Each structure stands twice: as C-alpha cells, then as structure tokens.
Protein backbone atom coordinates (compact mmCIF):
# COMPACT_ATOMS: atom_id res chain seq x y z
CA UNK A 1 211.16 363.60 -23.72
CA UNK A 2 209.32 363.64 -20.41
CA UNK A 3 208.05 360.51 -18.78
CA UNK A 4 204.91 358.93 -20.19
CA UNK A 5 201.95 357.83 -18.06
CA UNK A 6 199.99 354.64 -18.58
CA UNK A 7 196.76 354.01 -16.69
CA UNK A 8 196.58 350.70 -14.88
CA UNK A 9 195.55 349.03 -11.65
CA UNK A 10 197.76 347.15 -9.24
CA UNK A 11 195.94 344.12 -7.92
CA UNK A 12 196.53 341.00 -5.92
CA UNK A 13 195.16 338.03 -7.77
CA UNK A 14 195.24 334.86 -5.69
CA UNK A 15 198.78 334.54 -4.33
CA UNK A 16 200.29 336.74 -7.05
CA UNK A 17 200.45 340.48 -7.58
CA UNK A 18 200.92 342.69 -10.61
CA UNK A 19 199.67 345.37 -12.98
CA UNK A 20 196.40 345.12 -14.90
CA UNK A 21 196.13 347.09 -18.16
CA UNK A 22 193.41 347.64 -20.70
CA UNK A 23 194.71 346.24 -23.97
CA UNK A 24 194.24 349.52 -25.85
CA UNK A 25 196.52 351.37 -23.42
CA UNK A 26 199.64 349.39 -24.36
CA UNK A 27 201.69 349.56 -27.58
CA UNK A 28 200.25 347.24 -30.22
CA UNK A 29 203.55 345.71 -31.29
CA UNK A 30 205.05 343.10 -28.98
CA UNK A 31 208.57 344.51 -28.87
CA UNK A 32 207.35 347.96 -27.88
CA UNK A 33 204.86 346.56 -25.39
CA UNK A 34 207.53 344.44 -23.68
CA UNK A 35 209.94 347.38 -23.45
CA UNK A 36 207.27 349.50 -21.79
CA UNK A 37 206.36 346.77 -19.32
CA UNK A 38 209.97 346.10 -18.36
CA UNK A 39 210.47 349.83 -17.75
CA UNK A 40 207.30 349.98 -15.64
CA UNK A 41 208.37 347.02 -13.52
CA UNK A 42 212.05 348.01 -13.30
CA UNK A 43 213.50 345.01 -15.14
CA UNK A 44 216.14 343.82 -15.63
CA UNK A 45 217.27 344.31 -12.06
CA UNK A 46 216.91 341.71 -9.27
CA UNK A 47 215.56 344.43 -6.94
CA UNK A 48 213.45 346.14 -9.63
CA UNK A 49 214.38 349.30 -7.74
CA UNK A 50 213.53 351.63 -10.65
CA UNK A 51 210.02 350.29 -11.15
CA UNK A 52 206.98 348.94 -9.34
CA UNK A 53 207.88 345.24 -9.56
CA UNK A 54 208.17 343.24 -6.36
CA UNK A 55 211.61 341.66 -7.02
CA UNK A 56 210.12 338.16 -7.33
CA UNK A 57 208.44 336.36 -10.25
CA UNK A 58 205.21 336.08 -8.23
CA UNK A 59 205.01 339.86 -7.81
CA UNK A 60 206.24 340.89 -11.27
CA UNK A 61 203.26 339.94 -13.40
CA UNK A 62 201.00 341.68 -15.89
CA UNK A 63 197.41 341.05 -17.03
CA UNK A 64 196.27 342.61 -20.30
CA UNK A 65 192.47 342.74 -20.52
CA UNK A 66 190.17 343.79 -23.32
CA UNK A 67 186.64 343.33 -24.59
CA UNK A 68 186.39 340.04 -26.48
CA UNK A 69 185.15 339.70 -30.04
CA UNK A 70 184.28 336.05 -29.37
CA UNK A 71 180.65 335.01 -28.98
CA UNK A 72 181.53 332.72 -26.07
CA UNK A 73 183.59 335.21 -24.05
CA UNK A 74 183.17 338.61 -22.44
CA UNK A 75 186.83 339.58 -22.15
CA UNK A 76 190.20 338.46 -23.46
CA UNK A 77 193.03 338.00 -20.97
CA UNK A 78 196.72 337.81 -21.83
CA UNK A 79 199.13 336.96 -19.02
CA UNK A 80 202.68 338.26 -19.22
CA UNK A 81 205.52 337.29 -16.88
CA UNK A 82 208.00 340.15 -16.52
CA UNK A 83 211.21 338.65 -15.19
CA UNK A 84 212.91 340.71 -12.50
CA UNK A 85 216.50 339.73 -13.28
CA UNK A 86 216.57 339.59 -17.06
CA UNK A 87 215.24 341.55 -20.01
CA UNK A 88 212.45 339.12 -20.85
CA UNK A 89 208.68 339.18 -20.96
CA UNK A 90 207.14 335.74 -21.38
CA UNK A 91 203.68 334.79 -22.65
CA UNK A 92 204.19 331.03 -22.93
CA UNK A 93 202.17 330.12 -19.86
CA UNK A 94 198.92 331.06 -18.17
CA UNK A 95 198.45 332.35 -14.63
CA UNK A 96 195.34 331.30 -12.75
CA UNK A 97 196.14 333.54 -9.79
CA UNK A 98 196.24 336.74 -11.85
CA UNK A 99 193.12 335.39 -13.57
CA UNK A 100 191.24 335.94 -10.30
CA UNK A 101 191.57 339.69 -10.74
CA UNK A 102 190.51 339.82 -14.39
CA UNK A 103 186.75 339.78 -13.76
CA UNK A 104 186.82 342.46 -11.04
CA UNK A 105 189.15 344.64 -13.14
CA UNK A 106 186.93 344.33 -16.22
CA UNK A 107 183.84 345.35 -14.24
CA UNK A 108 185.61 348.19 -12.40
CA UNK A 109 186.88 349.52 -15.74
CA UNK A 110 183.44 349.37 -17.37
CA UNK A 111 184.51 346.80 -19.95
CA UNK A 112 181.35 344.88 -19.05
CA UNK A 113 178.42 345.71 -16.77
CA UNK A 114 177.93 344.27 -13.31
CA UNK A 115 174.91 342.21 -12.38
CA UNK A 116 173.13 342.38 -9.07
CA UNK A 117 174.53 339.80 -6.68
CA UNK A 118 177.07 337.83 -8.70
CA UNK A 119 178.39 338.53 -12.19
CA UNK A 120 179.72 335.58 -14.24
CA UNK A 121 182.60 336.78 -16.41
CA UNK A 122 183.54 334.58 -19.36
CA UNK A 123 187.27 334.94 -19.88
CA UNK A 124 189.15 333.87 -23.00
CA UNK A 125 192.67 332.99 -21.86
CA UNK A 126 194.81 333.97 -24.83
CA UNK A 127 197.95 332.16 -23.65
CA UNK A 128 196.31 328.74 -23.93
CA UNK A 129 193.26 329.41 -26.10
CA UNK A 130 190.84 328.20 -23.42
CA UNK A 131 187.88 329.53 -21.44
CA UNK A 132 187.26 330.18 -17.77
CA UNK A 133 184.24 331.58 -15.99
CA UNK A 134 184.87 333.71 -12.89
CA UNK A 135 181.92 334.40 -10.62
CA UNK A 136 182.54 337.91 -9.26
CA UNK A 137 180.60 339.18 -6.21
CA UNK A 138 178.78 342.36 -7.28
CA UNK A 139 176.22 343.29 -4.63
CA UNK A 140 174.31 346.43 -5.60
CA UNK A 141 175.97 346.36 -9.03
CA UNK A 142 179.52 347.02 -7.81
CA UNK A 143 182.51 344.75 -7.27
CA UNK A 144 182.95 343.75 -3.63
CA UNK A 145 186.41 342.79 -2.40
CA UNK A 146 185.31 342.21 1.20
CA UNK A 147 184.18 338.80 2.39
CA UNK A 148 184.84 335.74 4.50
CA UNK A 149 186.80 333.61 2.01
CA UNK A 150 190.34 332.66 2.97
CA UNK A 151 193.05 331.20 0.76
CA UNK A 152 196.39 329.98 2.05
CA UNK A 153 199.28 332.27 1.25
CA UNK A 154 197.18 335.45 1.62
CA UNK A 155 196.55 337.18 4.96
CA UNK A 156 192.99 337.87 6.07
CA UNK A 157 189.70 337.15 4.34
CA UNK A 158 188.19 338.53 1.15
CA UNK A 159 185.27 338.09 -1.22
CA UNK A 160 185.15 334.62 -2.80
CA UNK A 161 185.68 334.31 -6.56
CA UNK A 162 184.85 330.75 -7.71
CA UNK A 163 186.41 329.94 -11.09
CA UNK A 164 185.36 327.19 -13.48
CA UNK A 165 187.82 326.08 -16.15
CA UNK A 166 186.36 324.84 -19.41
CA UNK A 167 188.22 322.42 -21.69
CA UNK A 168 191.75 323.30 -20.55
CA UNK A 169 193.27 319.81 -20.96
CA UNK A 170 196.20 319.91 -23.36
CA UNK A 171 195.88 323.67 -23.86
CA UNK A 172 199.64 324.13 -24.20
CA UNK A 173 201.05 320.71 -25.09
CA UNK A 174 198.18 319.43 -27.24
CA UNK A 175 197.17 316.55 -24.98
CA UNK A 176 196.44 315.87 -21.33
CA UNK A 177 199.31 313.38 -21.31
CA UNK A 178 201.73 314.91 -23.85
CA UNK A 179 204.01 311.88 -24.02
CA UNK A 180 201.05 309.51 -24.38
CA UNK A 181 202.07 307.72 -21.19
CA UNK A 182 200.97 308.02 -17.55
CA UNK A 183 204.63 307.70 -16.54
CA UNK A 184 208.02 307.98 -18.25
CA UNK A 185 211.63 307.65 -17.22
CA UNK A 186 213.61 310.82 -17.91
CA UNK A 187 217.24 311.26 -16.92
CA UNK A 188 216.91 308.14 -14.78
CA UNK A 189 213.93 309.51 -12.87
CA UNK A 190 210.36 308.23 -13.10
CA UNK A 191 207.99 311.13 -13.86
CA UNK A 192 204.51 311.99 -15.07
CA UNK A 193 204.15 314.71 -17.70
CA UNK A 194 200.71 316.33 -17.69
CA UNK A 195 198.97 319.44 -19.03
CA UNK A 196 195.60 320.38 -17.58
CA UNK A 197 195.92 324.15 -17.72
CA UNK A 198 199.68 324.15 -17.07
CA UNK A 199 202.44 321.86 -18.36
CA UNK A 200 203.74 320.13 -15.24
CA UNK A 201 206.23 317.36 -14.58
CA UNK A 202 205.35 315.41 -11.43
CA UNK A 203 208.30 313.82 -9.63
CA UNK A 204 208.66 311.94 -6.37
CA UNK A 205 210.73 313.88 -3.84
CA UNK A 206 212.22 310.67 -2.45
CA UNK A 207 213.89 310.02 -5.82
CA UNK A 208 216.02 313.13 -5.18
CA UNK A 209 217.04 312.10 -1.65
CA UNK A 210 214.88 314.76 0.01
CA UNK A 211 211.70 314.58 2.05
CA UNK A 212 209.79 317.05 -0.09
CA UNK A 213 208.82 318.98 3.04
CA UNK A 214 211.79 321.36 2.98
CA UNK A 215 211.14 325.08 2.74
CA UNK A 216 211.71 326.81 -0.62
CA UNK A 217 214.95 328.53 0.40
CA UNK A 218 216.51 325.22 1.44
CA UNK A 219 215.56 323.61 -1.85
CA UNK A 220 216.91 326.52 -3.88
CA UNK A 221 220.22 326.27 -2.02
CA UNK A 222 220.57 322.55 -2.85
CA UNK A 223 222.65 322.81 -6.03
CA UNK A 224 222.69 319.07 -6.69
CA UNK A 225 218.89 319.06 -6.54
CA UNK A 226 218.36 322.14 -8.71
CA UNK A 227 220.83 320.88 -11.32
CA UNK A 228 219.12 317.48 -11.54
CA UNK A 229 215.61 318.97 -11.64
CA UNK A 230 216.63 321.32 -14.45
CA UNK A 231 218.16 318.47 -16.44
CA UNK A 232 214.88 316.56 -16.20
CA UNK A 233 212.93 319.71 -17.15
CA UNK A 234 214.97 320.32 -20.29
CA UNK A 235 214.54 316.72 -21.45
CA UNK A 236 210.84 316.71 -20.55
CA UNK A 237 210.23 319.86 -22.58
CA UNK A 238 211.18 318.04 -25.76
CA UNK A 239 208.91 315.08 -24.94
CA UNK A 240 205.99 317.41 -24.08
CA UNK A 241 205.98 319.11 -27.50
CA UNK A 242 207.43 322.29 -25.99
CA UNK A 243 210.79 322.15 -27.78
CA UNK A 244 213.84 323.79 -26.21
CA UNK A 245 212.64 325.16 -22.87
CA UNK A 246 215.99 326.49 -21.71
CA UNK A 247 214.66 330.04 -21.52
CA UNK A 248 210.98 329.16 -21.00
CA UNK A 249 208.89 329.18 -17.85
CA UNK A 250 207.31 325.79 -18.57
CA UNK A 251 207.08 323.00 -17.75
CA UNK A 252 206.80 323.53 -14.01
CA UNK A 253 208.46 320.85 -11.90
CA UNK A 254 206.41 319.61 -8.95
CA UNK A 255 208.12 317.43 -6.35
CA UNK A 256 205.53 315.27 -4.60
CA UNK A 257 205.65 313.75 -1.13
CA UNK A 258 203.14 312.33 1.38
CA UNK A 259 200.76 314.91 2.82
CA UNK A 260 201.46 316.11 6.34
CA UNK A 261 198.41 318.21 7.21
CA UNK A 262 195.41 316.14 6.19
CA UNK A 263 195.57 316.85 2.46
CA UNK A 264 196.11 314.45 -0.42
CA UNK A 265 199.70 315.20 -1.37
CA UNK A 266 202.40 317.72 -0.48
CA UNK A 267 204.12 319.70 -3.23
CA UNK A 268 207.23 321.79 -3.84
CA UNK A 269 207.09 323.47 -7.23
CA UNK A 270 209.93 324.93 -9.27
CA UNK A 271 208.65 327.88 -11.40
CA UNK A 272 210.92 326.80 -13.06
CA UNK A 273 214.11 327.75 -11.20
CA UNK A 274 212.77 329.49 -8.11
CA UNK A 275 210.66 327.43 -5.69
CA UNK A 276 207.07 328.64 -5.30
CA UNK A 277 206.08 329.84 -1.84
CA UNK A 278 202.73 328.16 -2.52
CA UNK A 279 201.62 326.61 -5.83
CA UNK A 280 200.13 328.14 -8.95
CA UNK A 281 196.44 327.68 -9.74
CA UNK A 282 196.98 325.71 -12.92
CA UNK A 283 199.92 323.89 -11.39
CA UNK A 284 197.60 322.68 -8.63
CA UNK A 285 194.97 321.66 -11.18
CA UNK A 286 197.52 319.63 -13.17
CA UNK A 287 198.86 317.93 -10.03
CA UNK A 288 195.31 317.13 -8.87
CA UNK A 289 194.54 315.66 -12.28
CA UNK A 290 197.71 313.55 -12.22
CA UNK A 291 196.57 312.05 -8.92
CA UNK A 292 193.55 310.58 -10.73
CA UNK A 293 195.48 309.15 -13.70
CA UNK A 294 196.05 305.40 -13.28
CA UNK A 295 199.74 304.57 -13.45
CA UNK A 296 201.00 308.09 -12.77
CA UNK A 297 203.61 308.71 -10.09
CA UNK A 298 201.07 310.95 -8.34
CA UNK A 299 198.45 308.20 -8.34
CA UNK A 300 200.90 305.68 -6.98
CA UNK A 301 201.75 308.04 -4.12
CA UNK A 302 198.17 308.98 -3.27
CA UNK A 303 196.24 305.84 -4.18
CA UNK A 304 193.68 307.92 -6.10
CA UNK A 305 194.34 306.51 -9.57
CA UNK A 306 191.14 305.60 -11.41
CA UNK A 307 188.86 307.68 -9.19
CA UNK A 308 185.98 309.00 -11.30
CA UNK A 309 183.15 311.44 -10.74
CA UNK A 310 183.32 314.67 -8.78
CA UNK A 311 185.90 314.84 -6.01
CA UNK A 312 187.63 317.55 -3.97
CA UNK A 313 191.40 317.16 -3.83
CA UNK A 314 193.48 319.09 -1.30
CA UNK A 315 196.96 319.86 -2.64
CA UNK A 316 199.36 320.90 0.11
CA UNK A 317 202.14 323.45 -0.50
CA UNK A 318 204.67 325.37 1.65
CA UNK A 319 202.12 327.86 3.00
CA UNK A 320 198.95 325.78 3.23
CA UNK A 321 196.78 323.86 0.81
CA UNK A 322 194.74 324.34 -2.34
CA UNK A 323 191.38 322.62 -2.85
CA UNK A 324 190.68 321.63 -6.46
CA UNK A 325 187.30 320.22 -7.50
CA UNK A 326 187.73 317.66 -10.28
CA UNK A 327 185.22 315.65 -12.30
CA UNK A 328 186.73 313.04 -14.60
CA UNK A 329 185.67 309.88 -16.41
CA UNK A 330 187.90 307.08 -17.63
CA UNK A 331 187.18 304.78 -20.57
CA UNK A 332 190.04 302.38 -21.03
CA UNK A 333 193.12 304.54 -21.50
CA UNK A 334 191.06 307.63 -22.38
CA UNK A 335 190.72 310.16 -19.58
CA UNK A 336 188.17 312.95 -19.94
CA UNK A 337 188.19 315.97 -17.66
CA UNK A 338 184.64 317.30 -17.32
CA UNK A 339 185.31 319.95 -14.69
CA UNK A 340 188.16 321.66 -12.90
CA UNK A 341 187.10 324.35 -10.45
CA UNK A 342 188.56 326.22 -7.51
CA UNK A 343 188.18 329.23 -5.26
CA UNK A 344 190.36 332.36 -5.41
CA UNK A 345 190.21 335.88 -4.05
CA UNK A 346 191.50 339.20 -5.37
CA UNK A 347 191.91 342.75 -4.13
CA UNK A 348 192.35 346.09 -5.83
CA UNK A 349 195.46 347.67 -4.29
CA UNK A 350 195.90 350.83 -6.33
CA UNK A 351 194.46 352.51 -9.41
CA UNK A 352 196.18 355.28 -11.35
CA UNK A 353 199.12 355.71 -13.71
CA UNK A 354 202.50 354.07 -13.94
CA UNK A 355 205.28 356.15 -15.47
CA UNK A 356 207.93 354.99 -17.94
CA UNK A 357 210.82 356.99 -19.39
CA UNK A 358 209.71 358.93 -22.44
CA UNK A 359 212.55 357.51 -24.54
CA UNK A 360 211.28 353.99 -23.94
CA UNK A 361 207.74 354.94 -24.89
CA UNK A 362 208.92 356.84 -27.98
CA UNK A 363 210.87 353.82 -29.25
CA UNK A 364 207.80 351.66 -28.62
C-alpha cells in the first residue's frame, strides 16, 4: 500500500513545536492514532530521522483540535507527547506552550470564526478537564502572527497571545496540594508537591549539593543527581495520587534556587528525565503558586508565602524568565486560586500533509 497523507500544520507554540491536527483527520481508536503519530514523527528513534519530529521531547509534540460540544468552550484540545526514543504516546499531562497555537490553528482552519481585532477562544483542555481562554490577535478578521511580543527561549518578536486559565487547581491530582501538606519529606528531601495546571514537585537545589544555576547538559550528566531526583519523583507520584509514575511524564521535578537576574526564583526542571531548556507553561504556573503557599519550600526560599491579591511573579529558567500573573486568597489553611494568566506567542511554520507508511495507516 502506498503512503497515506494526513493534513496538519506544523506550529511553534510558546517554546515548543509540533504538529496540529483536526480531530476528525486522525484514527478514532487510540492504538491506531498513536501508531500513526509515531510514524509521522519518526519514533521510536532518538534522531527521529524517518519522520518530522525534532529529536527532543520539546519538539516532538502533537495537538489534536476539534469543535467542542460543550456550552462553555469553542474547541477541545488534546495534547499528546510523542517520545522520540521509545514507542510511546502520552496523554497524561497538559502542555501550555502548545496551547498557545490552538486558538490560531482553530481560526485558520475555520473551526470557529475570527472577530475583528482580538478573538477570545475558549479551549477545553481534555488532558486535565479544565478551561483556558486564549486571546488571539485577528486584525481584519485574520490571525496575525506578527507583533512586538517577546518570550524568552524564542528568537525575535511575534503577536502576543494572552492566556487566562480557569479553575486549573488540582486538575490532575485532585487537589492543589495533593498530599494535603505545604511541605513533605520524601526520600530524605524536603519538598512541596503542587498541582496548579501541572503536577510539580518543588525541591531546593542546595539539598542536592548543586547551585541550581547549572546548564541543563551539566545536570543531565550528573548521575548521582538524576538518580536521586528520580527516586524522589517515583515516591512523590504515589503521594500525589498519580500511582506508579515510572513510565509517566509527571510529576515534573523543579529544582529551585535564588534568582540571579532580578526575578523571584531560578528553576531547573526535569521533564521528567531530560532537563528543560526553559520551563513549561503549567510548570511555571505551579512553581509560581507554590511561592505563595505558606510553609512551602518555594515560599521559604522567596519569602512570598501568604501573599494575597494579584501579583506578577517572574520565574527564571535557563534561557530567561517567565512572568506569571497570580491572584490568590488564603483563609486559614485553604488557598483559593482566582486567576493564573500569562503571555505566549505562536507561529505557523508549515501547512500541508504529513505522510505515513500505508501499512501503518491500514492497521490503524
């Protein structure tokens, strides 16, 4: 059987890159869908030489977008992580970077009409069962990718896409603080387990005999560090209601250290076994939230514990910083997140068809 073509767009969303598909263009059953996506990306192969994947988790991602049947949403968005080096497609986490491209893709594809000026796109995030609203620039009724907004980790400037996250606390683990505590000791290390859009374990870099300012490659090469971080992650997964996370992408592990460039805190994030060149959107939101939780390791480091009301928090990472706008209230031990918002950009890189071997598509 000849190769089969699937229409899609390749887009940069935030500091990630991947393929965007309309839901109806992929096989309906999960096994068939995953086989097709792995063939399209070229997995499993660390170089992804026989596909369009970028040989790194951050550039081997997929967004599946379709019109939503929900009254409170315009489109549904499913994020899929296609792993370069193993035959696995994961849907157990969200991706706020790829989310930045969902609104523009939906408008470009005619899934919903564009307004004049700015088009708010209500997005149901299927991975976590939560809502986000992306404000897409649409001057003259068309998506604009050109603008003056800059985000660290991406060259140049582009059109700004502000994103508001609605009620994302505990979306994966069932509670903002899944263990019920602002801090726990796991594997002899004091940590904070938190889920405000992404399950994250916050740890102090100094507890691992590092500064926390090392570059990602240096951290990945530190076998004693990676072994200890993974041991904490596996134990934390059980405490965070995630079960056995041996083969899962969550929780993310964020090593915290004092800020060096005028921000609030510096981060190095395991995703979960490679070290992020920046930090994920929801990872940044969860770290920012932890900074406001009294008694958390992040609050102790930053001195922000108990801060209420609207505040901008600058989370540093290896290639810059990430500004998260938070609005929280605290009543005794109850912490309520009223708003989490941030700014992203996206760019359409290519639109057309990706080809997969006909045998793969036939079996799907």
